[in-house]
Amino acid sequence: MQDDVLEVRIMEEANFIADTGATVRSAAEVFHISKSTVHTVVII
């Protein structure tokens, strides 16, 4: 169950960055998470 939630989160953030050309900083602001978390999630 938790893996499904993580997979959805990863896809939402990655798609947001790909679709909008957002920076890590702006994606972090939109998703209310740290820049480090964005890096970690998108690298997965």
PDB file of N, CA and C in Angstrom:
ATOM      1  N   MET A   1       0.815  -1.194   0.000  1.00  0.00           N
ATOM      2  CA  MET A   1       0.000   0.000   0.000  1.00  0.00           C
ATOM      3  C   MET A   1       0.861   1.262   0.000  1.00  0.00           C
ATOM      4  N   GLN A   2       1.853   1.305   0.884  1.00  0.00           N
ATOM      5  CA  GLN A   2       2.700   2.487   0.964  1.00  0.00           C
ATOM      6  C   GLN A   2       3.502   2.666  -0.328  1.00  0.00           C
ATOM      7  N   ASP A   3       3.888   1.555  -0.966  1.00  0.00           N
ATOM      8  CA  ASP A   3       4.617   1.646  -2.233  1.00  0.00           C
ATOM      9  C   ASP A   3       3.766   2.293  -3.314  1.00  0.00           C
ATOM     10  N   ASP A   4       2.461   2.015  -3.306  1.00  0.00           N
ATOM     11  CA  ASP A   4       1.563   2.617  -4.283  1.00  0.00           C
ATOM     12  C   ASP A   4       1.480   4.122  -4.105  1.00  0.00           C
ATOM     13  N   VAL A   5       1.410   4.550  -2.860  1.00  0.00           N
ATOM     14  CA  VAL A   5       1.341   5.982  -2.557  1.00  0.00           C
ATOM     15  C   VAL A   5       2.627   6.669  -3.011  1.00  0.00           C
ATOM     16  N   LEU A   6       3.743   6.037  -2.737  1.00  0.00           N
ATOM     17  CA  LEU A   6       5.030   6.596  -3.143  1.00  0.00           C
ATOM     18  C   LEU A   6       5.133   6.672  -4.660  1.00  0.00           C
ATOM     19  N   GLU A   7       4.690   5.636  -5.345  1.00  0.00           N
ATOM     20  CA  GLU A   7       4.751   5.627  -6.809  1.00  0.00           C
ATOM     21  C   GLU A   7       3.899   6.743  -7.411  1.00  0.00           C
ATOM     22  N   VAL A   8       2.724   6.959  -6.857  1.00  0.00           N
ATOM     23  CA  VAL A   8       1.854   8.042  -7.341  1.00  0.00           C
ATOM     24  C   VAL A   8       2.534   9.386  -7.104  1.00  0.00           C
ATOM     25  N   ARG A   9       3.122   9.573  -5.942  1.00  0.00           N
ATOM     26  CA  ARG A   9       3.810  10.827  -5.618  1.00  0.00           C
ATOM     27  C   ARG A   9       4.976  11.074  -6.572  1.00  0.00           C
ATOM     28  N   ILE A  10       5.748  10.033  -6.825  1.00  0.00           N
ATOM     29  CA  ILE A  10       6.882  10.157  -7.737  1.00  0.00           C
ATOM     30  C   ILE A  10       6.412  10.580  -9.118  1.00  0.00           C
ATOM     31  N   MET A  11       5.379   9.911  -9.611  1.00  0.00           N
ATOM     32  CA  MET A  11       4.885  10.214 -10.957  1.00  0.00           C
ATOM     33  C   MET A  11       4.304  11.628 -11.041  1.00  0.00           C
ATOM     34  N   GLU A  12       3.581  12.054 -10.016  1.00  0.00           N
ATOM     35  CA  GLU A  12       3.020  13.406 -10.019  1.00  0.00           C
ATOM     36  C   GLU A  12       4.118  14.460 -10.072  1.00  0.00           C
ATOM     37  N   GLU A  13       5.137  14.284  -9.259  1.00  0.00           N
ATOM     38  CA  GLU A  13       6.218  15.268  -9.220  1.00  0.00           C
ATOM     39  C   GLU A  13       7.045  15.240 -10.501  1.00  0.00           C
ATOM     40  N   ALA A  14       7.367  14.052 -10.975  1.00  0.00           N
ATOM     41  CA  ALA A  14       8.158  13.940 -12.208  1.00  0.00           C
ATOM     42  C   ALA A  14       7.391  14.499 -13.400  1.00  0.00           C
ATOM     43  N   ASN A  15       6.111  14.178 -13.500  1.00  0.00           N
ATOM     44  CA  ASN A  15       5.299  14.695 -14.605  1.00  0.00           C
ATOM     45  C   ASN A  15       5.164  16.202 -14.528  1.00  0.00           C
ATOM     46  N   PHE A  16       5.025  16.730 -13.331  1.00  0.00           N
ATOM     47  CA  PHE A  16       4.934  18.175 -13.166  1.00  0.00           C
ATOM     48  C   PHE A  16       6.190  18.857 -13.703  1.00  0.00           C
ATOM     49  N   ILE A  17       7.344  18.330 -13.319  1.00  0.00           N
ATOM     50  CA  ILE A  17       8.609  18.908 -13.766  1.00  0.00           C
ATOM     51  C   ILE A  17       8.759  18.777 -15.283  1.00  0.00           C
ATOM     52  N   ALA A  18       8.433  17.605 -15.818  1.00  0.00           N
ATOM     53  CA  ALA A  18       8.568  17.378 -17.261  1.00  0.00           C
ATOM     54  C   ALA A  18       7.584  18.234 -18.068  1.00  0.00           C
ATOM     55  N   ASP A  19       6.356  18.326 -17.600  1.00  0.00           N
ATOM     56  CA  ASP A  19       5.324  19.053 -18.345  1.00  0.00           C
ATOM     57  C   ASP A  19       5.488  20.557 -18.294  1.00  0.00           C
ATOM     58  N   THR A  20       5.979  21.070 -17.177  1.00  0.00           N
ATOM     59  CA  THR A  20       6.048  22.522 -17.006  1.00  0.00           C
ATOM     60  C   THR A  20       7.461  23.079 -17.159  1.00  0.00           C
ATOM     61  N   GLY A  21       8.459  22.198 -17.133  1.00  0.00           N
ATOM     62  CA  GLY A  21       9.833  22.681 -17.163  1.00  0.00           C
ATOM     63  C   GLY A  21      10.229  23.342 -15.848  1.00  0.00           C
ATOM     64  N   ALA A  22       9.517  22.980 -14.792  1.00  0.00           N
ATOM     65  CA  ALA A  22       9.748  23.581 -13.476  1.00  0.00           C
ATOM     66  C   ALA A  22      11.144  23.234 -12.962  1.00  0.00           C
ATOM     67  N   THR A  23      11.656  24.106 -12.146  1.00  0.00           N
ATOM     68  CA  THR A  23      12.909  23.832 -11.456  1.00  0.00           C
ATOM     69  C   THR A  23      12.602  22.999 -10.214  1.00  0.00           C
ATOM     70  N   VAL A  24      13.640  22.432  -9.637  1.00  0.00           N
ATOM     71  CA  VAL A  24      13.471  21.673  -8.401  1.00  0.00           C
ATOM     72  C   VAL A  24      12.895  22.594  -7.318  1.00  0.00           C
ATOM     73  N   ARG A  25      13.382  23.794  -7.264  1.00  0.00           N
ATOM     74  CA  ARG A  25      12.901  24.734  -6.248  1.00  0.00           C
ATOM     75  C   ARG A  25      11.410  25.032  -6.419  1.00  0.00           C
ATOM     76  N   SER A  26      10.982  25.286  -7.641  1.00  0.00           N
ATOM     77  CA  SER A  26       9.565  25.607  -7.839  1.00  0.00           C
ATOM     78  C   SER A  26       8.683  24.382  -7.619  1.00  0.00           C
ATOM     79  N   ALA A  27       9.156  23.209  -7.999  1.00  0.00           N
ATOM     80  CA  ALA A  27       8.395  21.987  -7.740  1.00  0.00           C
ATOM     81  C   ALA A  27       8.259  21.763  -6.237  1.00  0.00           C
ATOM     82  N   ALA A  28       9.313  22.014  -5.502  1.00  0.00           N
ATOM     83  CA  ALA A  28       9.272  21.856  -4.048  1.00  0.00           C
ATOM     84  C   ALA A  28       8.229  22.793  -3.433  1.00  0.00           C
ATOM     85  N   GLU A  29       8.159  23.999  -3.935  1.00  0.00           N
ATOM     86  CA  GLU A  29       7.168  24.941  -3.426  1.00  0.00           C
ATOM     87  C   GLU A  29       5.746  24.486  -3.739  1.00  0.00           C
ATOM     88  N   VAL A  30       5.521  24.007  -4.941  1.00  0.00           N
ATOM     89  CA  VAL A  30       4.185  23.565  -5.340  1.00  0.00           C
ATOM     90  C   VAL A  30       3.729  22.379  -4.502  1.00  0.00           C
ATOM     91  N   PHE A  31       4.626  21.426  -4.261  1.00  0.00           N
ATOM     92  CA  PHE A  31       4.267  20.213  -3.535  1.00  0.00           C
ATOM     93  C   PHE A  31       4.498  20.328  -2.024  1.00  0.00           C
ATOM     94  N   HIS A  32       4.952  21.496  -1.575  1.00  0.00           N
ATOM     95  CA  HIS A  32       5.182  21.752  -0.142  1.00  0.00           C
ATOM     96  C   HIS A  32       6.134  20.731   0.484  1.00  0.00           C
ATOM     97  N   ILE A  33       7.243  20.513  -0.210  1.00  0.00           N
ATOM     98  CA  ILE A  33       8.292  19.614   0.281  1.00  0.00           C
ATOM     99  C   ILE A  33       9.634  20.300   0.074  1.00  0.00           C
ATOM    100  N   SER A  34      10.694  19.719   0.620  1.00  0.00           N
ATOM    101  CA  SER A  34      12.017  20.330   0.480  1.00  0.00           C
ATOM    102  C   SER A  34      12.617  20.012  -0.889  1.00  0.00           C
ATOM    103  N   LYS A  35      13.586  20.822  -1.276  1.00  0.00           N
ATOM    104  CA  LYS A  35      14.289  20.572  -2.538  1.00  0.00           C
ATOM    105  C   LYS A  35      14.993  19.228  -2.498  1.00  0.00           C
ATOM    106  N   SER A  36      15.534  18.877  -1.353  1.00  0.00           N
ATOM    107  CA  SER A  36      16.209  17.586  -1.205  1.00  0.00           C
ATOM    108  C   SER A  36      15.247  16.429  -1.457  1.00  0.00           C
ATOM    109  N   THR A  37      14.027  16.571  -0.985  1.00  0.00           N
ATOM    110  CA  THR A  37      13.032  15.524  -1.204  1.00  0.00           C
ATOM    111  C   THR A  37      12.701  15.402  -2.685  1.00  0.00           C
ATOM    112  N   VAL A  38      12.581  16.522  -3.374  1.00  0.00           N
ATOM    113  CA  VAL A  38      12.317  16.472  -4.817  1.00  0.00           C
ATOM    114  C   VAL A  38      13.445  15.731  -5.516  1.00  0.00           C
ATOM    115  N   HIS A  39      14.673  16.069  -5.201  1.00  0.00           N
ATOM    116  CA  HIS A  39      15.823  15.383  -5.793  1.00  0.00           C
ATOM    117  C   HIS A  39      15.755  13.881  -5.540  1.00  0.00           C
ATOM    118  N   THR A  40      15.501  13.518  -4.312  1.00  0.00           N
ATOM    119  CA  THR A  40      15.459  12.114  -3.929  1.00  0.00           C
ATOM    120  C   THR A  40      14.347  11.375  -4.665  1.00  0.00           C
ATOM    121  N   VAL A  41      13.183  11.961  -4.720  1.00  0.00           N
ATOM    122  CA  VAL A  41      12.019  11.318  -5.334  1.00  0.00           C
ATOM    123  C   VAL A  41      12.194  11.192  -6.837  1.00  0.00           C
ATOM    124  N   VAL A  42      12.660  12.232  -7.490  1.00  0.00           N
ATOM    125  CA  VAL A  42      12.765  12.211  -8.945  1.00  0.00           C
ATOM    126  C   VAL A  42      13.900  11.295  -9.400  1.00  0.00           C
ATOM    127  N   ILE A  43      14.940  11.159  -8.612  1.00  0.00           N
ATOM    128  CA  ILE A  43      16.043  10.266  -8.967  1.00  0.00           C
ATOM    129  C   ILE A  43      15.597   8.810  -8.944  1.00  0.00           C
ATOM    130  N   ILE A  44      14.667   8.470  -8.049  1.00  0.00           N
ATOM    131  CA  ILE A  44      14.181   7.098  -7.955  1.00  0.00           C
ATOM    132  C   ILE A  44      13.585   6.748  -9.279  1.00  0.00           C
TER     133      ILE A  44
END
